[in-house]
Amino acid sequence: MAWETTTDDVWNALERMNETRTEEEVDDILNKLNHDVIESEALQGDDMLEQTEYATHEIINQIESM
């Protein structure tokens, strides 16, 4: 099983951060993320809900570091 980070994942992370961005900005963020780290974090979860939560947390961490 693998994890693929999508623009929807970025939108969800930004929503949690109470931030709004344009579609272009979201695409730019998606391109700058370390997808291998996000996948590794996500796959620590036992089910899709946990995986999504772990991935979202990692995406937020990466966005905050940008």
Protein backbone atom coordinates (compact mmCIF):
# COMPACT_ATOMS: atom_id res chain seq x y z
CA MET A 1 0.00 0.00 0.00
CA ALA A 2 1.28 3.50 -0.82
CA TRP A 3 0.32 7.08 -0.14
CA GLU A 4 0.05 9.79 -2.76
CA THR A 5 -0.21 13.40 -1.62
CA THR A 6 -2.68 15.42 -3.67
CA THR A 7 -3.83 19.02 -3.88
CA ASP A 8 -6.84 18.00 -1.78
CA ASP A 9 -4.44 17.04 1.01
CA VAL A 10 -2.80 20.46 0.78
CA TRP A 11 -6.20 22.20 0.78
CA ASN A 12 -7.19 20.22 3.90
CA ALA A 13 -3.97 21.11 5.69
CA LEU A 14 -4.38 24.80 4.82
CA GLU A 15 -7.98 24.72 6.02
CA ARG A 16 -6.79 23.32 9.34
CA MET A 17 -4.27 26.13 9.51
CA ASN A 18 -7.04 28.65 8.78
CA GLU A 19 -5.18 29.80 5.68
CA THR A 20 -6.51 30.47 2.22
CA ARG A 21 -4.45 30.24 -0.95
CA THR A 22 -5.03 30.33 -4.67
CA GLU A 23 -4.99 27.19 -6.79
CA GLU A 24 -1.62 28.23 -8.16
CA GLU A 25 -0.21 28.62 -4.65
CA VAL A 26 -1.54 25.20 -3.65
CA ASP A 27 0.08 23.64 -6.72
CA ASP A 28 3.35 25.38 -5.84
CA ILE A 29 3.16 24.09 -2.26
CA LEU A 30 2.42 20.57 -3.49
CA ASN A 31 5.51 20.68 -5.73
CA LYS A 32 7.72 21.83 -2.85
CA LEU A 33 6.62 19.16 -0.34
CA ASN A 34 8.83 16.21 0.53
CA HIS A 35 6.43 13.48 -0.60
CA ASP A 36 8.62 10.64 0.66
CA VAL A 37 8.45 11.96 4.22
CA ILE A 38 4.69 12.48 3.98
CA GLU A 39 4.21 8.95 2.68
CA SER A 40 6.37 7.53 5.46
CA GLU A 41 4.35 9.40 8.09
CA ALA A 42 1.02 8.45 6.54
CA LEU A 43 1.84 4.77 6.38
CA GLN A 44 2.34 4.69 10.13
CA GLY A 45 -1.45 4.78 10.40
CA ASP A 46 -3.46 1.57 10.61
CA ASP A 47 -6.37 2.75 8.48
CA MET A 48 -7.16 5.48 5.97
CA LEU A 49 -8.44 7.90 8.64
CA GLU A 50 -5.22 7.59 10.65
CA GLN A 51 -3.10 7.78 7.52
CA THR A 52 -4.84 10.96 6.46
CA GLU A 53 -4.34 12.46 9.92
CA TYR A 54 -0.62 11.64 9.98
CA ALA A 55 -0.15 12.95 6.45
CA THR A 56 -2.02 16.17 7.22
CA HIS A 57 0.10 16.75 10.30
CA GLU A 58 3.30 16.30 8.26
CA ILE A 59 2.03 18.57 5.47
CA ILE A 60 1.28 21.28 8.05
CA ASN A 61 4.79 20.89 9.49
CA GLN A 62 6.33 21.25 6.05
CA ILE A 63 4.20 24.27 5.10
CA GLU A 64 5.12 25.98 8.37
CA SER A 65 8.80 25.37 7.57
CA MET A 66 8.54 27.02 4.14
